[in-house]
Protein backbone atom coordinates (compact mmCIF):
# COMPACT_ATOMS: atom_id res chain seq x y z
CA MET A 1 91.95 151.14 152.21
CA THR A 2 95.03 149.46 150.13
CA LYS A 3 96.43 152.08 147.92
CA LEU A 4 96.07 150.97 144.20
CA GLU A 5 99.19 151.79 142.32
CA SER A 6 100.37 151.56 138.67
CA ALA A 7 102.28 148.15 137.83
CA GLN A 8 106.27 148.31 139.02
CA LEU A 9 108.56 147.26 136.37
CA ILE A 10 111.42 145.08 137.90
CA PRO A 11 114.63 146.95 137.69
CA GLY A 12 116.05 146.24 134.19
CA ALA A 13 113.08 144.75 132.84
CA ARG A 14 110.99 146.03 129.62
CA LEU A 15 107.46 145.72 129.09
CA ALA A 16 108.52 144.08 125.28
CA ASP A 17 110.14 141.22 127.42
CA ALA A 18 106.88 139.74 128.54
CA PRO A 19 105.26 137.21 126.55
CA PRO A 20 103.51 138.16 123.26
CA PRO A 21 99.75 138.19 122.96
CA ASP A 22 98.61 134.78 121.79
CA ARG A 23 96.50 135.02 118.56
CA ALA A 24 92.67 134.72 119.70
CA GLU A 25 91.67 130.98 118.57
CA GLN A 26 88.82 128.70 119.54
CA ALA A 27 89.76 126.59 122.27
CA GLY A 28 90.25 122.97 121.10
CA GLY A 29 90.08 124.29 117.24
CA THR A 30 86.71 124.11 115.49
CA ARG A 31 86.62 120.26 114.99
CA ALA A 32 84.04 118.34 116.91
CA ILE A 33 85.10 116.71 119.96
CA ARG A 34 84.23 112.92 120.19
CA GLY A 35 84.49 110.40 122.99
CA ARG A 36 82.63 107.71 124.96
CA ALA A 37 80.47 108.45 128.08
CA LEU A 38 82.16 108.07 131.27
CA ILE A 39 79.09 108.12 133.90
CA PHE A 40 79.03 108.38 137.57
CA TRP A 41 76.20 106.55 139.04
CA ASP A 42 74.61 106.88 142.23
CA PRO A 43 75.51 103.86 144.28
CA LYS A 44 71.93 103.99 146.43
CA VAL A 45 69.61 104.71 143.56
CA PRO A 46 70.09 102.46 140.63
CA GLY A 47 70.02 104.10 137.18
CA LYS A 48 70.51 107.39 138.68
CA LYS A 49 73.33 109.69 137.88
CA LEU A 50 75.35 110.88 140.88
CA ASP A 51 74.46 114.18 142.31
CA ALA A 52 76.65 116.31 144.45
CA ILE A 53 80.11 115.49 143.63
CA ASP A 54 82.00 117.98 145.40
CA THR A 55 85.60 119.16 144.71
CA ASP A 56 86.80 117.13 147.77
CA GLN A 57 85.78 113.90 145.93
CA ILE A 58 87.22 115.21 142.64
CA THR A 59 90.42 116.14 144.13
CA PRO A 60 90.97 114.99 147.86
CA ALA A 61 92.73 117.40 150.09
CA ASP A 62 95.96 115.15 150.37
CA ASP A 63 96.35 115.47 146.63
CA CYS A 64 95.93 119.34 146.61
CA VAL A 65 99.82 119.66 146.79
CA SER A 66 102.43 120.87 144.34
CA GLU A 67 105.91 119.94 145.41
CA SER A 68 107.46 122.55 142.70
CA LEU A 69 106.49 124.71 140.00
CA ASP A 70 107.75 122.08 137.38
CA THR A 71 105.69 119.24 138.75
CA LEU A 72 102.75 121.64 139.43
CA ASP A 73 100.13 119.02 138.67
CA ALA A 74 101.38 115.76 139.35
CA ARG A 75 99.61 115.13 142.49
CA TRP A 76 96.28 116.89 141.12
CA LYS A 77 96.32 114.19 138.41
CA ALA A 78 97.30 111.25 140.45
CA GLY A 79 94.34 112.19 142.98
CA SER A 80 91.41 112.81 140.46
CA PHE A 81 88.38 110.83 141.69
CA ARG A 82 91.03 108.70 143.73
CA HIS A 83 88.16 107.24 146.09
CA LEU A 84 85.02 107.78 143.74
CA MET A 85 86.59 106.24 140.74
CA PRO A 86 90.17 104.76 141.30
CA ASN A 87 90.44 103.81 137.68
CA PHE A 88 89.48 106.83 136.42
CA ARG A 89 92.88 107.80 134.61
CA GLU A 90 92.84 104.73 132.79
CA ARG A 91 89.16 105.03 131.58
CA VAL A 92 90.08 108.39 129.92
CA ARG A 93 93.03 106.89 128.44
CA ARG A 94 90.50 104.35 126.82
CA GLY A 95 88.61 107.08 125.20
CA GLU A 96 85.85 107.68 127.95
CA THR A 97 86.39 111.26 127.81
CA PHE A 98 82.86 112.63 128.40
CA ILE A 99 82.33 112.88 132.02
CA VAL A 100 78.47 112.55 132.67
CA ALA A 101 77.29 113.34 136.36
CA GLY A 102 74.17 114.72 137.86
CA ASP A 103 73.18 118.07 139.31
CA ARG A 104 75.44 120.33 141.48
CA PHE A 105 78.64 118.73 140.07
CA ALA A 106 81.65 120.36 141.42
CA ILE A 107 80.02 122.25 144.30
CA GLY A 108 82.41 123.03 147.23
CA SER A 109 85.65 124.78 147.77
CA SER A 110 87.61 126.98 145.11
CA ARG A 111 90.28 124.60 144.88
CA GLU A 112 91.52 124.86 141.13
CA MET A 113 93.48 121.65 141.39
CA SER A 114 90.25 119.82 140.60
CA PRO A 115 89.96 121.14 137.02
CA ALA A 116 93.45 121.17 136.56
CA GLY A 117 93.94 117.68 137.30
CA LEU A 118 91.20 116.57 134.89
CA LYS A 119 92.55 118.97 132.30
CA GLY A 120 95.87 117.41 132.94
CA ILE A 121 94.93 113.72 132.55
CA ALA A 122 93.12 114.61 129.42
CA ASP A 123 96.54 116.39 127.94
CA GLU A 124 98.72 113.70 128.86
CA ALA A 125 96.45 110.96 127.02
CA GLY A 126 96.33 113.52 123.95
CA VAL A 127 92.48 113.85 124.07
CA GLU A 128 89.80 116.57 124.72
CA MET A 129 87.60 116.31 127.67
CA VAL A 130 84.25 117.31 128.17
CA ILE A 131 82.11 117.60 131.44
CA VAL A 132 78.56 117.05 131.07
CA CYS A 133 76.34 117.74 133.97
CA GLY A 134 72.90 118.86 135.12
CA ALA A 135 71.76 121.76 136.86
CA ALA A 136 73.48 124.10 139.36
CA MET A 137 77.10 123.18 138.65
CA GLY A 138 79.66 124.92 140.84
CA ASP A 139 80.02 128.48 139.73
CA ILE A 140 83.82 128.71 140.75
CA PHE A 141 84.58 125.31 139.06
CA ARG A 142 82.89 126.28 135.73
CA ARG A 143 84.83 129.57 135.55
CA ASN A 144 87.95 127.65 136.68
CA ALA A 145 87.72 125.12 134.00
CA LEU A 146 86.92 127.55 131.25
CA ASN A 147 90.06 129.43 132.45
CA LEU A 148 92.06 126.34 131.78
CA GLY A 149 90.38 125.45 128.20
CA LEU A 150 88.36 122.55 129.67
CA ASN A 151 85.08 122.26 128.18
CA VAL A 152 81.71 121.90 130.52
CA VAL A 153 78.22 121.51 129.44
CA GLN A 154 75.19 121.96 131.65
CA SER A 155 72.08 119.86 130.19
CA ARG A 156 70.07 117.70 132.51
CA GLU A 157 68.32 116.12 129.54
CA ALA A 158 71.80 114.84 127.96
CA VAL A 159 72.55 113.49 131.66
CA GLU A 160 69.34 111.62 131.72
CA ASP A 161 69.72 110.28 128.45
CA ALA A 162 73.39 109.08 128.57
CA GLN A 163 74.17 105.37 128.97
CA GLU A 164 77.40 103.59 129.14
CA GLY A 165 79.15 103.25 126.18
CA ASP A 166 77.36 105.87 124.28
CA THR A 167 79.38 107.85 121.81
CA LEU A 168 78.98 111.71 122.26
CA SER A 169 80.29 114.68 120.39
CA PHE A 170 80.64 118.24 121.10
CA ASP A 171 80.81 121.12 118.73
CA PRO A 172 83.10 123.71 120.13
CA VAL A 173 81.95 126.45 118.02
CA SER A 174 78.04 126.18 118.72
CA ARG A 175 78.41 124.37 121.96
CA MET A 176 75.99 121.77 120.88
CA LEU A 177 76.36 118.33 122.30
CA THR A 178 75.28 115.33 120.68
CA ASN A 179 74.55 111.80 121.85
CA GLU A 180 75.44 109.93 118.58
CA THR A 181 74.31 106.42 119.98
CA ARG A 182 71.02 107.84 120.54
CA ALA A 183 70.71 110.41 117.75
CA LYS A 184 69.76 113.06 120.17
CA THR A 185 71.06 116.66 120.15
CA TYR A 186 71.06 119.05 123.07
CA GLN A 187 71.45 122.65 123.57
CA PRO A 188 73.42 123.41 126.85
CA ALA A 189 72.73 126.30 129.38
CA ALA A 190 74.21 129.33 128.02
CA LEU A 191 77.57 130.89 129.31
CA SER A 192 77.94 134.66 130.23
CA PRO A 193 79.49 136.65 127.49
CA GLN A 194 82.91 136.92 129.57
CA GLU A 195 82.89 133.17 129.90
CA GLU A 196 82.32 132.65 126.27
CA ASP A 197 85.11 135.02 125.37
CA ILE A 198 87.44 132.88 127.72
CA ARG A 199 86.37 129.87 126.15
CA ARG A 200 86.73 130.98 122.43
CA SER A 201 90.28 132.51 123.46
CA GLY A 202 91.49 129.21 124.65
CA GLY A 203 91.64 130.28 128.45
CA ILE A 204 92.59 132.86 130.85
CA ILE A 205 96.30 133.00 130.20
CA LYS A 206 95.82 133.84 126.67
CA ILE A 207 93.36 136.77 127.69
CA GLY A 208 95.92 137.90 130.20
CA ARG A 209 98.53 137.98 127.71
CA ARG A 210 96.10 139.83 125.37
CA GLU A 211 95.60 142.71 128.05
CA PHE A 212 98.92 142.72 130.07
CA ALA A 213 100.81 145.38 128.26
CA ASP A 214 97.57 147.89 128.50
CA SER A 215 96.98 146.91 132.16
CA VAL A 216 100.77 147.98 132.74
CA ARG A 217 100.34 151.26 131.04
CA ARG A 218 97.03 152.16 132.80
CA THR A 219 96.85 154.16 135.87
CA PRO A 220 94.07 152.43 138.27
CA GLU A 221 91.58 154.88 139.64
CA ILE A 222 88.87 154.27 142.35
CA ARG A 223 86.03 156.88 141.63
CA TRP A 224 82.72 156.42 143.93
CA PRO A 225 79.43 157.42 142.70
CA ASP A 226 77.51 160.63 143.65
CA ALA A 227 74.68 160.58 146.10
CA LYS A 228 72.14 160.53 143.17
CA ALA A 229 73.66 157.59 141.43
CA ALA A 230 74.53 155.79 144.90
CA ARG A 231 70.80 155.86 145.36
CA GLN A 232 70.25 153.68 142.62
CA LEU A 233 72.64 150.93 143.43
CA THR A 234 72.94 148.05 146.15
CA SER A 235 76.03 148.20 148.48
CA THR A 236 77.57 145.60 146.35
CA GLU A 237 76.92 147.68 143.10
CA GLN A 238 78.46 150.70 144.54
CA ILE A 239 81.71 149.08 145.40
CA LEU A 240 81.70 147.59 141.80
CA TRP A 241 80.82 150.95 140.11
CA ALA A 242 83.82 152.69 141.94
CA HIS A 243 86.37 149.82 141.00
CA ARG A 244 85.37 149.81 137.26
CA VAL A 245 88.49 149.68 135.04
CA ASP A 246 86.25 150.84 132.03
CA LYS A 247 84.51 153.94 133.65
CA ASP A 248 81.80 153.71 131.34
CA ALA A 249 80.78 150.23 132.03
CA ASP A 250 77.09 149.69 133.10
CA ILE A 251 76.59 148.16 136.44
CA ARG A 252 73.50 145.99 135.90
CA PRO A 253 72.63 142.30 136.88
CA GLY A 254 74.17 139.89 134.22
CA SER A 255 76.84 142.32 132.94
CA THR A 256 80.29 141.45 133.17
CA VAL A 257 82.69 144.24 134.19
CA ARG A 258 86.44 144.52 134.77
CA VAL A 259 87.38 145.64 138.31
CA TYR A 260 90.30 146.90 140.19
CA ALA A 261 91.14 144.59 143.25
CA ASP A 262 92.21 146.21 146.61
CA LEU A 263 93.78 143.01 148.00
CA LEU A 264 94.34 139.50 146.07
CA PRO A 265 95.00 137.20 148.82
CA ALA A 266 96.08 133.54 148.22
CA SER A 267 96.56 130.56 150.76
CA ASP A 268 99.65 128.65 150.78
CA GLY A 269 97.51 125.95 149.19
CA THR A 270 96.30 128.23 146.15
CA ALA A 271 99.31 130.38 145.65
CA PRO A 272 101.35 127.85 143.38
CA PHE A 273 99.09 127.75 140.72
CA SER A 274 98.57 131.74 141.05
CA ILE A 275 102.10 132.14 140.75
CA HIS A 276 102.16 129.72 137.56
CA THR A 277 99.51 131.86 136.08
CA PHE A 278 101.26 135.18 136.77
CA ASN A 279 104.66 133.82 135.50
CA GLU A 280 102.83 132.56 132.17
CA ILE A 281 101.12 135.94 131.62
CA THR A 282 104.00 138.38 132.22
CA GLY A 283 107.00 136.05 131.71
CA GLY A 284 107.72 136.01 135.52
CA ASP A 285 110.60 138.83 135.48
CA THR A 286 108.84 142.06 134.11
CA ILE A 287 106.55 143.42 136.98
CA ARG A 288 106.13 142.90 140.56
CA PRO A 289 102.72 141.12 141.42
CA ARG A 290 99.91 143.62 142.14
CA GLN A 291 97.79 144.03 145.24
CA ILE A 292 99.21 140.44 146.26
CA ALA A 293 98.94 138.88 149.69
CA ILE A 294 99.70 135.39 150.83
CA ALA A 295 98.76 133.50 154.15
CA ASN A 296 100.33 130.40 155.11
CA ASP A 297 97.76 128.32 157.26
CA HIS A 298 96.61 125.06 155.24
CA PHE A 299 99.79 123.29 154.72
CA VAL A 300 101.71 123.99 157.88
CA PHE A 301 102.92 122.46 161.47
CA ASN A 302 102.10 118.88 159.92
CA ARG A 303 105.67 117.76 159.64
CA ARG A 304 105.07 116.40 155.90
CA GLU A 305 107.85 117.10 153.44
CA ALA A 306 105.50 117.40 150.56
CA ASP A 307 103.53 120.06 152.56
CA ASP A 308 106.68 121.97 153.18
CA LYS A 309 107.67 122.04 149.65
CA GLN A 310 104.26 123.37 148.77
CA THR A 311 104.75 126.37 151.28
CA ALA A 312 108.18 127.07 149.87
CA ILE A 313 106.88 127.94 146.58
CA GLY A 314 104.83 130.94 147.94
CA LYS A 315 107.74 131.90 150.40
CA GLU A 316 110.26 131.80 147.38
CA PHE A 317 107.95 133.90 145.28
CA ALA A 318 107.31 136.26 148.30
CA ASP A 319 110.82 136.66 148.95
CA ARG A 320 111.96 137.29 145.06
CA HIS A 321 109.34 140.08 144.76
CA GLY A 322 109.67 141.79 148.35
CA VAL A 323 106.46 140.87 149.80
CA ARG A 324 106.52 141.05 153.67
CA ARG A 325 104.25 141.34 156.58
CA PRO A 326 101.21 142.33 156.65
CA TYR A 327 100.89 141.15 152.94
CA TYR A 328 102.66 137.82 153.64
CA ALA A 329 101.72 135.71 156.72
CA THR A 330 104.31 133.25 157.96
CA PRO A 331 103.24 130.06 159.57
CA GLY A 332 101.60 130.71 162.96
CA ASP A 333 100.76 134.48 162.18
CA GLY A 334 97.25 133.65 161.86
CA ILE A 335 94.55 132.32 159.61
CA PHE A 336 93.99 133.57 156.34
CA HIS A 337 90.08 135.30 157.04
CA PHE A 338 91.10 136.46 160.11
CA TYR A 339 94.70 137.70 159.89
CA PHE A 340 94.36 140.08 156.80
CA PRO A 341 91.28 141.86 158.70
CA GLU A 342 93.48 142.12 161.82
CA GLN A 343 96.31 143.91 159.80
CA GLY A 344 93.77 146.62 158.36
CA LEU A 345 94.00 145.16 155.04
CA VAL A 346 89.92 144.47 154.75
CA VAL A 347 88.02 147.58 155.08
CA PRO A 348 84.51 148.73 154.16
CA GLY A 349 84.32 149.42 150.51
CA ALA A 350 87.14 147.23 149.51
CA LEU A 351 86.86 144.92 146.53
CA ILE A 352 88.73 141.34 147.59
CA PRO A 353 88.55 138.48 145.35
CA GLY A 354 90.43 135.61 147.10
CA ALA A 355 91.68 132.39 146.20
CA ASP A 356 89.63 130.83 148.88
CA SER A 357 85.77 130.02 148.76
CA HIS A 358 85.67 131.52 152.36
CA SER A 359 86.69 134.95 150.94
CA ARG A 360 83.05 136.26 151.04
CA ALA A 361 83.46 136.33 154.90
CA TYR A 362 84.97 139.87 154.12
CA GLY A 363 81.22 141.08 153.57
CA ALA A 364 81.33 141.13 157.63
CA TYR A 365 83.51 143.99 157.31
CA GLY A 366 81.54 146.11 154.72
CA ALA A 367 83.85 144.79 151.92
CA LEU A 368 82.99 142.90 148.70
CA GLY A 369 85.03 139.73 149.10
CA TYR A 370 84.26 136.41 147.07
CA GLY A 371 86.24 133.20 146.01
CA VAL A 372 87.99 132.77 142.61
CA GLY A 373 90.31 130.00 141.60
CA SER A 374 93.99 130.46 141.39
CA THR A 375 94.34 131.35 137.76
CA THR A 376 91.83 134.24 138.22
CA LEU A 377 94.05 135.49 141.34
CA GLY A 378 97.44 135.03 139.06
CA PHE A 379 95.55 137.21 136.33
CA GLY A 380 94.55 139.70 138.92
CA TRP A 381 98.39 139.86 140.22
CA ALA A 382 99.40 140.42 136.59
CA THR A 383 96.82 143.08 135.65
CA GLY A 384 95.77 144.70 138.90
CA TYR A 385 92.09 143.63 137.94
CA VAL A 386 89.70 140.87 137.51
CA TYR A 387 86.32 140.20 135.45
CA PHE A 388 83.21 140.16 137.58
CA THR A 389 79.59 139.29 136.48
CA VAL A 390 77.00 141.07 138.45
CA ALA A 391 74.52 139.11 140.38
CA LYS A 392 70.77 139.70 140.34
CA GLN A 393 69.64 140.96 143.82
CA ARG A 394 66.24 140.74 145.87
CA ARG A 395 65.55 142.78 148.76
CA VAL A 396 64.32 140.86 151.70
CA VAL A 397 62.77 142.41 154.85
CA PHE A 398 62.71 140.29 158.03
CA ALA A 399 60.18 140.78 161.02
CA GLY A 400 60.04 139.45 164.48
CA LYS A 401 62.90 137.86 166.45
CA LEU A 402 65.37 135.09 165.83
CA GLN A 403 64.94 131.96 167.80
CA PRO A 404 67.83 130.86 170.07
CA TRP A 405 70.73 129.40 168.09
CA VAL A 406 69.65 130.48 164.71
CA SER A 407 72.37 132.17 162.54
CA GLY A 408 72.51 134.34 159.50
CA LYS A 409 73.39 131.08 157.59
CA ASP A 410 70.43 129.39 158.82
CA VAL A 411 68.22 132.20 157.57
CA VAL A 412 69.98 132.24 154.17
CA LEU A 413 69.54 128.41 153.88
CA ALA A 414 65.66 128.89 154.73
CA LEU A 415 65.53 131.39 151.97
CA LEU A 416 67.10 129.34 149.44
CA ALA A 417 64.90 126.33 150.24
CA ARG A 418 61.71 128.47 149.90
CA TRP A 419 62.85 130.01 146.57
CA GLY A 420 63.99 127.00 144.88
CA ALA A 421 67.07 126.22 142.52
CA LYS A 422 65.72 128.45 139.60
CA GLN A 423 65.06 131.53 141.69
CA SER A 424 68.18 131.23 143.79
CA GLY A 425 70.75 130.83 141.00
CA GLY A 426 73.05 133.85 140.72
CA MET A 427 71.61 135.95 143.69
CA SER A 428 73.44 138.41 145.66
C-alpha cells in the first residue's frame, strides 16, 4: 500500500506563504436569486421536461479541453449544451438563469467541466444560475456543482409546474424555491451536512484554504479496527474506519467523514482543473501535491494541437513537482485503471478517490475506489484527504448459477430495477 507521508514543503517555502483562509460566507450572499425559467423539453413527449440529460450532452467530449491554465474554462463554456440547445449561452445572458430539466439530470461521467462551464457562463454574464431538476440527479455532478458554488435544487413538483417565461426565485439561506409566476413555493431535497457546509462556505476552495494549514501540520495515520470492531463493519466501512482523519468520527450510513487517500489519480482530462484547485488552495508553491498520480490516456495519439496542449499542462505540473513513473504515466504507458493496478499502486484495503467515474473498478482489487470531480481531487492533493459520505448498505444472498453471458453488472442492474429508485438511492 502507498505510504502516507506528511506534507512536504517546497524548499524555501513557508506555510505562511499560502493563501489565507477566506471568511466563511453564504454562497451568493443572502439575497434571493431571481431569474426566468430556461426549460429543456422532451422532443418526443409534448409538455414533458427532458429526463436523463447526461454530462456528455452538457459538455460534449470535444469541448472537455483546456489549452492552458489561463484559459481553463474557455472551451467548457463554448461547448455547454452545444447540440442540445445551441443558443444556451445567449439565453442565460437574457436572464433565463433557472435551468429546468427532468429526472436523472447530469448522470454519466465525473467530468467537472460540465458544472464549471455552466458556472462560467453565469459569471461572465454577471448573474447567479440555479439548476432545478427532478429526482435522481447525478451525485458527482451535484457535489461538483456545490464545490464550485453553483446552486442545485431537486424538486420534481417544481419541475412539473414550471413553464416558459416563469419567474423563479431561490433563497440561498433556506434553499426554498419559489415560482413567483404561479405563486408556489417548494422545499427541495435536502443536502448532506457536508454538502451544506460547502454550499454555505462558497465552495471547496474556501474549505481547502480553511483546512490547509492544519492538514500540513497533521501527521497522517492509518489505523485498522480490532477484530471485535471489524465484525460490526462492512468491508467498505472497515476501510473508511482505518482511514479516518478524525479518529473519533462515527462510521455509519449518512455520516460524512474526512478520510486519508492512499492514491489520488487523475487522467490527462481531469488533471488541469485539479491542478488549478491545488494552486488556488496552496498558492501553488508551498507544498508538493500529496498522493498524486496522473495517467495520460484520454487526449493522446490523435494529432490535435488542443489535445497536446491539454496533456502538456499535467506534464509541466508533474515535472515541476518531481512526479515520475509509476505515479506519472506517459502516453503509451497504459490505460488509467489498468496501469495503476499493474504498478502495484492499487491494493486491498486502499482508499482511492479518482477523478474518473470508472475509479470504482478498484473494488475488483479489494480497494475502495470511487469517482470524484477534479476540485475534490485537487483538494486531496492539497490536504491529503477528502470528504466521504457513508452509504447505506444491504446484504444480498444469491443462490443458483448464472446463465451464460450474464455478468456482475447485469445482476446489479436487475437488483436496482427490482428495488426501484427510492430504495436504490445512496446504496453501497
